[in-house]
Amino acid sequence: MTLFELIATVLVLAAVLGFLNAKFLKLPTTIGIMLLSLVISLLLVIVGLFAPSIEQFAENIVSQIDFKDVLLDVMLCYLLFAGALHVDLSDLAQQKWVIAIMATVGVVLSTAIIGTVTWFLLPLFGFNTPFIYCLLFGALISPTDPVAVLGILKKAGVGKSLETKITGESLFNDGVGVVVFLALLGIATGEHEFSAAYIGELFAVEVLGGIVFGIFLGYTGYLLLKQIDNYQVEVLITLALVTGGYTLASHFHLSGPLAMVVSGLMIGNHGRLLAMSDTTRQHLDLFWEMIDEILNAMLFALIGLELLIVANQFSFQTFLIGIIIIVVVLLSRALAVSVPILILRPFRNFSEGAIKMLTWGGLRGGISVALALALPVEGERGLFLKLTYMVVIFSISVQGLTVGRLYRRINRQSK
């Protein structure tokens, strides 16, 4: 199939699943599409027991889609910019220390906990995996996914302060998590030796460089938008800013995700307030909202379809490890959010049940799957991909569907 035919297939499937969800299931769009996509994958696997050619045909189509490249190199920049565009900078500034500590210390702590527990766990099931690859798994599964979080929190009715913490953290820890993953991957493959200098340089270039480049992009966009009052051209400028900016960030080995978040925050706040007319504001919001909805629908349809690739490789042993890993990931998340809150509690108040909400609301999504696909084959990529898939499916379907209910229960108990 050509690239256009693949895009057309996924887009049509996402539209059909979106219609079925809106008509019958009435779940949050991302969750509904993913669950329906999972059902289709499971049906194809069952049909494949009696008619292998049908399942093989579907597998061939899905295998032609490079999920890692599609998400990390194409979709992610637009999704992060669209998400950051609607985050209030003043709300974010009030939560800056909580978000900063959770997006850095929290990610590193979670990576260490999950990696260490996994290293001790896998030999019990006959897998002797080097510690560095277990740490890589910890790095790819630790960051919460802004793509998963943003769409679901809108429907959950979560309070503004808590929503800002969860959303802000997910936007920033994504970029930090990718840098941690790349640092460990370089060590695992032997490209770099483990040293404080190497890790410090990588963080300085990727993280700080990405943030500075994002400020440059956002300010450049703001200056251009301020010069004109033509909503068609202004929307085009933001689209070019994201596409060209992400490409340049990747070329200069800067963190593209962080650059998109920072530029989106600047355009969504200073740009919206000082450089746009009401007409431009309205059209810009509608445009990026549609981009966000369309790409989310396609992404979650793809996550469901990826089951076709890993379904035949599942065993009872893998499933059991996956159940344990889900618990480990939740516990490590609880510890990772507890540390910043305990550090900052003497200096500020936190809402009742903040740790529970931040733990349960920290969803994993497509970014973890994409990073798992980037693992070296010799590093138990097949096993870690299946474990990642189980965590992501549980996170989006179970946590995503119940996070609003948990918030309402905590509110009732605190009154």
Protein backbone atom coordinates (compact mmCIF):
# COMPACT_ATOMS: atom_id res chain seq x y z
CA MET A 1 0.00 0.00 0.00
CA THR A 2 1.12 3.57 -0.67
CA LEU A 3 1.50 6.11 2.13
CA PHE A 4 -1.70 7.85 1.04
CA GLU A 5 -3.63 4.56 1.09
CA LEU A 6 -2.38 3.79 4.61
CA ILE A 7 -3.40 7.24 5.87
CA ALA A 8 -6.77 6.90 4.15
CA THR A 9 -7.34 3.47 5.75
CA VAL A 10 -6.54 4.68 9.28
CA LEU A 11 -8.56 7.88 8.83
CA VAL A 12 -11.64 6.03 7.57
CA LEU A 13 -11.36 3.49 10.39
CA ALA A 14 -11.01 6.27 13.00
CA ALA A 15 -14.06 8.07 11.58
CA VAL A 16 -16.20 4.90 11.60
CA LEU A 17 -15.13 4.02 15.16
CA GLY A 18 -15.71 7.61 16.27
CA PHE A 19 -19.23 7.47 14.84
CA LEU A 20 -19.99 4.15 16.54
CA ASN A 21 -18.70 5.46 19.85
CA ALA A 22 -20.68 8.71 19.62
CA LYS A 23 -23.84 6.84 18.58
CA PHE A 24 -23.77 3.86 20.94
CA LEU A 25 -21.01 3.80 23.59
CA LYS A 26 -20.86 7.55 24.32
CA LEU A 27 -17.46 7.19 26.00
CA PRO A 28 -14.70 9.83 25.80
CA THR A 29 -13.71 9.78 22.13
CA THR A 30 -10.15 8.54 22.59
CA ILE A 31 -11.14 5.71 24.94
CA GLY A 32 -14.14 4.66 22.85
CA ILE A 33 -12.12 4.53 19.61
CA MET A 34 -9.31 2.58 21.25
CA LEU A 35 -11.66 0.02 22.84
CA LEU A 36 -13.56 -0.51 19.56
CA SER A 37 -10.24 -0.84 17.74
CA LEU A 38 -9.17 -3.46 20.31
CA VAL A 39 -12.42 -5.36 19.75
CA ILE A 40 -11.80 -5.38 15.98
CA SER A 41 -8.25 -6.66 16.56
CA LEU A 42 -9.48 -9.43 18.86
CA LEU A 43 -12.18 -10.43 16.36
CA LEU A 44 -9.56 -10.61 13.60
CA VAL A 45 -7.36 -12.79 15.82
CA ILE A 46 -10.33 -15.13 16.49
CA VAL A 47 -11.28 -15.20 12.80
CA GLY A 48 -7.63 -15.94 12.04
CA LEU A 49 -7.96 -19.26 13.88
CA PHE A 50 -10.37 -20.41 11.14
CA ALA A 51 -9.26 -18.22 8.22
CA PRO A 52 -5.56 -17.31 8.70
CA SER A 53 -5.42 -15.39 5.43
CA ILE A 54 -7.83 -12.72 6.73
CA GLU A 55 -5.79 -12.07 9.88
CA GLN A 56 -2.58 -12.13 7.86
CA PHE A 57 -3.98 -9.53 5.44
CA ALA A 58 -4.90 -7.22 8.34
CA GLU A 59 -1.50 -7.78 10.01
CA ASN A 60 0.29 -6.89 6.78
CA ILE A 61 -1.55 -3.57 6.61
CA VAL A 62 -0.82 -2.69 10.26
CA SER A 63 2.84 -3.78 10.00
CA GLN A 64 3.36 -1.28 7.17
CA ILE A 65 2.61 1.56 9.59
CA ASP A 66 5.74 2.49 11.55
CA PHE A 67 4.03 3.49 14.79
CA LYS A 68 7.22 4.95 16.28
CA ASP A 69 7.93 7.23 13.32
CA VAL A 70 4.28 8.19 12.82
CA LEU A 71 3.89 9.29 16.44
CA LEU A 72 7.30 10.70 17.37
CA ASP A 73 8.18 12.28 14.01
CA VAL A 74 4.76 13.38 12.72
CA MET A 75 1.85 13.46 15.18
CA LEU A 76 3.54 14.43 18.43
CA CYS A 77 4.53 17.99 17.52
CA TYR A 78 0.96 18.95 16.54
CA LEU A 79 -0.61 17.22 19.55
CA LEU A 80 1.75 18.86 22.06
CA PHE A 81 1.34 22.32 20.54
CA ALA A 82 -2.44 21.96 20.47
CA GLY A 83 -2.46 20.81 24.10
CA ALA A 84 -0.19 23.62 25.33
CA LEU A 85 -2.15 26.22 23.36
CA HIS A 86 -5.05 26.05 25.84
CA VAL A 87 -3.09 25.93 29.10
CA ASP A 88 -3.28 29.14 31.13
CA LEU A 89 0.28 30.32 31.83
CA SER A 90 -0.73 32.06 35.07
CA ASP A 91 -2.27 28.82 36.39
CA LEU A 92 0.86 26.95 35.31
CA ALA A 93 3.11 29.49 37.07
CA GLN A 94 1.27 28.91 40.36
CA GLN A 95 2.06 25.18 40.12
CA LYS A 96 5.56 25.59 38.65
CA TRP A 97 7.54 23.95 41.48
CA VAL A 98 5.22 20.96 41.78
CA ILE A 99 5.28 20.43 38.02
CA ALA A 100 9.06 20.97 37.75
CA ILE A 101 9.88 18.45 40.49
CA MET A 102 7.40 15.83 39.25
CA ALA A 103 8.60 16.21 35.65
CA THR A 104 12.27 15.76 36.63
CA VAL A 105 12.85 14.11 40.00
CA GLY A 106 9.57 12.18 39.66
CA VAL A 107 10.49 10.73 36.25
CA VAL A 108 14.03 9.77 37.34
CA LEU A 109 12.78 8.24 40.60
CA SER A 110 10.06 6.27 38.81
CA THR A 111 12.58 5.07 36.19
CA ALA A 112 14.90 3.79 38.92
CA ILE A 113 12.11 2.05 40.88
CA ILE A 114 10.47 0.34 37.90
CA GLY A 115 13.83 -0.62 36.36
CA THR A 116 15.14 -2.13 39.61
CA VAL A 117 11.94 -4.05 40.43
CA THR A 118 11.75 -5.35 36.84
CA TRP A 119 15.38 -6.51 37.05
CA PHE A 120 14.60 -8.56 40.17
CA LEU A 121 11.23 -9.77 38.82
CA LEU A 122 12.14 -11.09 35.35
CA PRO A 123 14.60 -13.83 36.48
CA LEU A 124 11.74 -15.38 38.47
CA PHE A 125 10.08 -16.05 35.09
CA GLY A 126 13.23 -17.21 33.31
CA PHE A 127 14.32 -13.89 31.74
CA ASN A 128 17.90 -12.80 32.47
CA THR A 129 17.80 -9.23 31.19
CA PRO A 130 20.69 -6.79 31.77
CA PHE A 131 19.94 -4.03 34.28
CA ILE A 132 20.39 -1.26 31.70
CA TYR A 133 17.51 -2.62 29.58
CA CYS A 134 15.28 -2.82 32.64
CA LEU A 135 16.11 0.82 33.31
CA LEU A 136 15.23 1.61 29.68
CA PHE A 137 11.83 0.00 30.27
CA GLY A 138 11.46 2.12 33.42
CA ALA A 139 12.30 5.25 31.41
CA LEU A 140 9.80 4.59 28.63
CA ILE A 141 6.91 3.69 30.95
CA SER A 142 7.47 6.42 33.59
CA PRO A 143 6.37 9.63 31.79
CA THR A 144 2.64 10.29 31.71
CA ASP A 145 1.41 10.84 28.18
CA PRO A 146 -0.03 14.33 27.46
CA VAL A 147 -1.87 12.93 24.45
CA ALA A 148 -3.77 10.48 26.67
CA VAL A 149 -4.16 12.86 29.63
CA LEU A 150 -5.44 16.00 27.89
CA GLY A 151 -8.39 14.48 26.08
CA ILE A 152 -9.63 12.50 29.07
CA LEU A 153 -9.30 15.24 31.72
CA LYS A 154 -11.58 17.49 29.67
CA LYS A 155 -14.41 15.01 30.21
CA ALA A 156 -13.58 14.09 33.82
CA GLY A 157 -14.66 17.34 35.51
CA VAL A 158 -11.40 17.61 37.48
CA GLY A 159 -10.81 20.89 39.40
CA LYS A 160 -8.70 23.59 37.74
CA SER A 161 -5.74 23.41 40.14
CA LEU A 162 -5.45 19.64 39.89
CA GLU A 163 -6.03 19.65 36.14
CA THR A 164 -3.18 22.17 35.74
CA LYS A 165 -0.84 19.97 37.80
CA ILE A 166 -1.64 16.81 35.83
CA THR A 167 -1.69 18.52 32.42
CA GLY A 168 1.40 20.65 33.03
CA GLU A 169 3.39 17.71 34.35
CA SER A 170 2.39 15.47 31.45
CA LEU A 171 3.40 18.13 28.92
CA PHE A 172 6.86 18.60 30.42
CA ASN A 173 7.72 15.13 31.72
CA ASP A 174 7.20 13.76 28.24
CA GLY A 175 10.22 15.70 26.97
CA VAL A 176 12.28 14.84 30.06
CA GLY A 177 11.30 11.16 29.81
CA VAL A 178 12.43 10.97 26.18
CA VAL A 179 15.80 12.51 27.13
CA VAL A 180 16.26 10.00 29.99
CA PHE A 181 15.40 7.20 27.55
CA LEU A 182 17.88 8.46 24.94
CA ALA A 183 20.63 8.79 27.56
CA LEU A 184 20.12 5.20 28.73
CA LEU A 185 19.78 3.94 25.13
CA GLY A 186 23.14 5.47 24.22
CA ILE A 187 24.75 3.67 27.18
CA ALA A 188 22.97 0.36 26.45
CA THR A 189 24.07 0.29 22.80
CA GLY A 190 27.64 1.23 23.66
CA GLU A 191 27.55 4.55 21.80
CA HIS A 192 28.38 6.41 25.01
CA GLU A 193 29.99 5.53 28.30
CA PHE A 194 28.08 6.12 31.51
CA SER A 195 29.34 9.37 33.01
CA ALA A 196 27.95 12.42 34.75
CA ALA A 197 29.47 14.59 31.99
CA TYR A 198 27.62 12.72 29.21
CA ILE A 199 24.26 12.79 31.01
CA GLY A 200 24.73 16.43 32.04
CA GLU A 201 25.60 17.46 28.49
CA LEU A 202 22.64 15.57 27.03
CA PHE A 203 20.25 17.20 29.49
CA ALA A 204 21.71 20.65 28.90
CA VAL A 205 21.48 20.35 25.11
CA GLU A 206 18.18 18.49 24.84
CA VAL A 207 16.15 19.90 27.75
CA LEU A 208 17.51 23.43 28.22
CA GLY A 209 18.17 23.79 24.50
CA GLY A 210 14.63 22.64 23.70
CA ILE A 211 13.12 25.13 26.16
CA VAL A 212 15.24 28.05 24.85
CA PHE A 213 14.44 27.11 21.24
CA GLY A 214 10.73 26.93 22.16
CA ILE A 215 10.93 30.47 23.59
CA PHE A 216 12.60 31.64 20.36
CA LEU A 217 9.90 29.97 18.23
CA GLY A 218 7.08 31.33 20.37
CA TYR A 219 8.45 34.88 20.36
CA THR A 220 9.08 34.78 16.60
CA GLY A 221 5.52 33.58 16.03
CA TYR A 222 4.20 36.29 18.36
CA LEU A 223 6.05 39.03 16.43
CA LEU A 224 4.72 37.77 13.09
CA LEU A 225 1.14 37.46 14.36
CA LYS A 226 1.26 40.97 15.82
CA GLN A 227 2.09 42.51 12.42
CA ILE A 228 -1.08 41.38 10.60
CA ASP A 229 -4.80 40.84 11.05
CA ASN A 230 -5.66 38.03 8.66
CA TYR A 231 -6.81 34.84 10.35
CA GLN A 232 -6.03 32.58 7.37
CA VAL A 233 -2.40 33.69 7.30
CA GLU A 234 -2.12 33.67 11.11
CA VAL A 235 -3.34 30.07 11.33
CA LEU A 236 -0.88 29.19 8.57
CA ILE A 237 1.95 30.83 10.57
CA THR A 238 1.20 28.66 13.62
CA LEU A 239 1.10 25.54 11.43
CA ALA A 240 4.45 26.44 9.86
CA LEU A 241 5.87 27.27 13.31
CA VAL A 242 5.07 23.76 14.57
CA THR A 243 6.12 21.85 11.45
CA GLY A 244 9.30 23.79 10.73
CA GLY A 245 10.20 24.26 14.41
CA TYR A 246 9.96 20.56 15.24
CA THR A 247 12.03 19.67 12.18
CA LEU A 248 14.75 22.17 13.15
CA ALA A 249 14.75 20.99 16.78
CA SER A 250 15.31 17.39 15.63
CA HIS A 251 18.05 18.53 13.23
CA PHE A 252 19.96 20.33 16.02
CA HIS A 253 19.33 17.47 18.52
CA LEU A 254 17.18 19.62 20.78
CA SER A 255 14.07 18.36 22.54
CA GLY A 256 11.31 18.90 19.96
CA PRO A 257 8.53 18.00 22.44
CA LEU A 258 9.69 20.63 24.97
CA ALA A 259 10.11 23.22 22.20
CA MET A 260 6.53 22.60 21.05
CA VAL A 261 5.16 22.86 24.61
CA VAL A 262 6.94 26.14 25.33
CA SER A 263 6.06 27.73 21.97
CA GLY A 264 2.45 26.57 22.37
CA LEU A 265 2.27 28.18 25.82
CA MET A 266 3.63 31.47 24.46
CA ILE A 267 1.31 31.60 21.43
CA GLY A 268 -1.66 30.47 23.54
CA ASN A 269 -1.12 33.15 26.17
CA HIS A 270 0.85 36.24 25.06
CA GLY A 271 0.08 35.66 21.39
CA ARG A 272 -3.62 35.12 22.01
CA LEU A 273 -3.91 38.15 24.30
CA LEU A 274 -1.69 40.69 22.54
CA ALA A 275 -1.37 39.67 18.89
CA MET A 276 -4.78 38.34 17.79
CA SER A 277 -8.19 39.74 17.03
CA ASP A 278 -11.31 37.97 18.32
CA THR A 279 -11.89 36.51 14.85
CA THR A 280 -8.36 35.11 14.66
CA ARG A 281 -8.64 33.70 18.19
CA GLN A 282 -11.85 31.88 17.30
CA HIS A 283 -10.51 30.41 14.05
CA LEU A 284 -7.16 29.46 15.59
CA ASP A 285 -8.89 27.62 18.45
CA LEU A 286 -11.22 25.78 16.09
CA PHE A 287 -8.39 24.81 13.74
CA TRP A 288 -6.13 23.37 16.44
CA GLU A 289 -9.04 21.73 18.21
CA MET A 290 -9.86 19.89 14.99
CA ILE A 291 -6.20 18.94 14.43
CA ASP A 292 -6.10 17.62 18.00
CA GLU A 293 -9.33 15.60 17.65
CA ILE A 294 -8.44 14.10 14.25
CA LEU A 295 -4.90 13.06 15.22
CA ASN A 296 -6.08 11.71 18.59
CA ALA A 297 -8.73 9.61 16.85
CA MET A 298 -6.18 8.19 14.41
CA LEU A 299 -3.60 7.60 17.15
CA PHE A 300 -5.92 5.67 19.46
CA ALA A 301 -7.25 3.63 16.54
CA LEU A 302 -3.62 2.70 15.81
CA ILE A 303 -2.98 1.76 19.46
CA GLY A 304 -5.89 -0.68 19.28
CA LEU A 305 -4.73 -2.10 15.95
CA GLU A 306 -1.21 -2.70 17.31
CA LEU A 307 -2.75 -5.64 19.22
CA LEU A 308 -2.62 -7.56 15.93
CA ILE A 309 1.19 -7.33 16.02
CA VAL A 310 1.66 -8.55 19.60
CA ALA A 311 -1.43 -10.75 20.19
CA ASN A 312 0.05 -14.00 18.91
CA GLN A 313 3.16 -13.53 21.06
CA PHE A 314 1.26 -13.35 24.36
CA SER A 315 1.48 -16.25 26.80
CA PHE A 316 0.08 -16.83 30.28
CA GLN A 317 3.56 -16.10 31.65
CA THR A 318 3.74 -12.74 29.84
CA PHE A 319 0.23 -11.88 30.98
CA LEU A 320 1.15 -12.62 34.61
CA ILE A 321 4.30 -10.48 34.40
CA GLY A 322 2.20 -7.71 32.87
CA ILE A 323 -0.29 -7.76 35.76
CA ILE A 324 2.57 -7.44 38.26
CA ILE A 325 4.18 -4.64 36.22
CA ILE A 326 0.89 -2.68 36.18
CA VAL A 327 0.88 -2.75 39.99
CA VAL A 328 4.58 -1.79 40.09
CA VAL A 329 3.99 1.15 37.72
CA LEU A 330 1.10 2.44 39.86
CA LEU A 331 3.11 2.13 43.08
CA SER A 332 6.13 3.85 41.55
CA ARG A 333 3.86 6.62 40.29
CA ALA A 334 2.47 7.05 43.81
CA LEU A 335 6.00 7.36 45.21
CA ALA A 336 7.09 9.71 42.41
CA VAL A 337 4.23 12.15 43.13
CA SER A 338 4.43 11.77 46.92
CA VAL A 339 8.04 12.99 47.10
CA PRO A 340 7.39 16.45 45.50
CA ILE A 341 4.23 16.90 47.56
CA LEU A 342 5.99 15.99 50.82
CA ILE A 343 8.88 18.33 49.93
CA LEU A 344 6.58 21.26 49.16
CA ARG A 345 3.81 20.66 51.72
CA PRO A 346 5.47 22.86 54.43
CA PHE A 347 5.40 25.79 51.97
CA ARG A 348 1.97 25.42 50.37
CA ASN A 349 -1.36 23.66 50.65
CA PHE A 350 -2.45 20.72 48.51
CA SER A 351 -6.02 19.68 47.84
CA GLU A 352 -7.47 16.65 49.58
CA GLY A 353 -6.59 13.44 47.77
CA ALA A 354 -3.94 15.10 45.57
CA ILE A 355 -1.62 12.07 45.71
CA LYS A 356 -4.44 9.66 44.79
CA MET A 357 -5.58 11.84 41.88
CA LEU A 358 -2.09 12.49 40.54
CA THR A 359 -1.33 8.76 40.77
CA TRP A 360 -4.53 7.53 39.11
CA GLY A 361 -4.63 10.43 36.63
CA GLY A 362 -1.09 9.75 35.37
CA LEU A 363 -2.02 7.90 32.20
CA ARG A 364 0.39 6.17 29.85
CA GLY A 365 -0.25 6.22 26.13
CA GLY A 366 1.16 6.01 22.63
CA ILE A 367 4.51 7.60 23.47
CA SER A 368 5.42 4.64 25.71
CA VAL A 369 4.53 2.20 22.90
CA ALA A 370 6.59 4.23 20.41
CA LEU A 371 9.64 4.23 22.71
CA ALA A 372 9.25 0.48 23.34
CA LEU A 373 9.45 -0.04 19.58
CA ALA A 374 12.74 1.89 19.61
CA LEU A 375 14.37 -0.64 21.96
CA PRO A 376 17.16 -2.82 20.51
CA VAL A 377 16.04 -6.35 19.59
CA GLU A 378 18.72 -7.85 21.85
CA GLY A 379 17.26 -5.97 24.82
CA GLU A 380 14.10 -8.12 25.08
CA ARG A 381 12.17 -5.67 22.90
CA GLY A 382 9.38 -8.20 22.30
CA LEU A 383 8.79 -8.75 26.01
CA PHE A 384 8.98 -5.08 26.96
CA LEU A 385 6.67 -4.12 24.07
CA LYS A 386 4.01 -6.55 25.34
CA LEU A 387 4.39 -5.31 28.93
CA THR A 388 4.17 -1.70 27.72
CA TYR A 389 1.08 -2.52 25.73
CA MET A 390 -0.63 -4.04 28.77
CA VAL A 391 0.19 -1.00 30.94
CA VAL A 392 -1.07 1.42 28.28
CA ILE A 393 -4.34 -0.46 27.69
CA PHE A 394 -5.00 -0.67 31.45
CA SER A 395 -4.04 2.97 31.93
CA ILE A 396 -6.29 4.39 29.23
CA SER A 397 -9.29 2.09 29.59
CA VAL A 398 -9.44 1.50 33.37
CA GLN A 399 -7.79 4.61 34.82
CA GLY A 400 -9.13 6.89 32.09
CA LEU A 401 -12.72 5.75 32.60
CA THR A 402 -12.60 6.01 36.40
CA VAL A 403 -10.50 9.12 37.09
CA GLY A 404 -13.58 11.38 37.07
CA ARG A 405 -15.43 9.04 39.44
CA LEU A 406 -12.43 9.00 41.83
CA TYR A 407 -12.31 12.81 41.83
CA ARG A 408 -16.01 13.09 42.67
CA ARG A 409 -15.67 10.52 45.50
CA ILE A 410 -12.70 12.39 47.01
CA ASN A 411 -14.69 15.64 46.81
CA ARG A 412 -17.66 14.07 48.63
CA GLN A 413 -15.42 12.66 51.37
CA SER A 414 -13.71 16.01 51.94
CA LYS A 415 -16.99 17.89 52.47
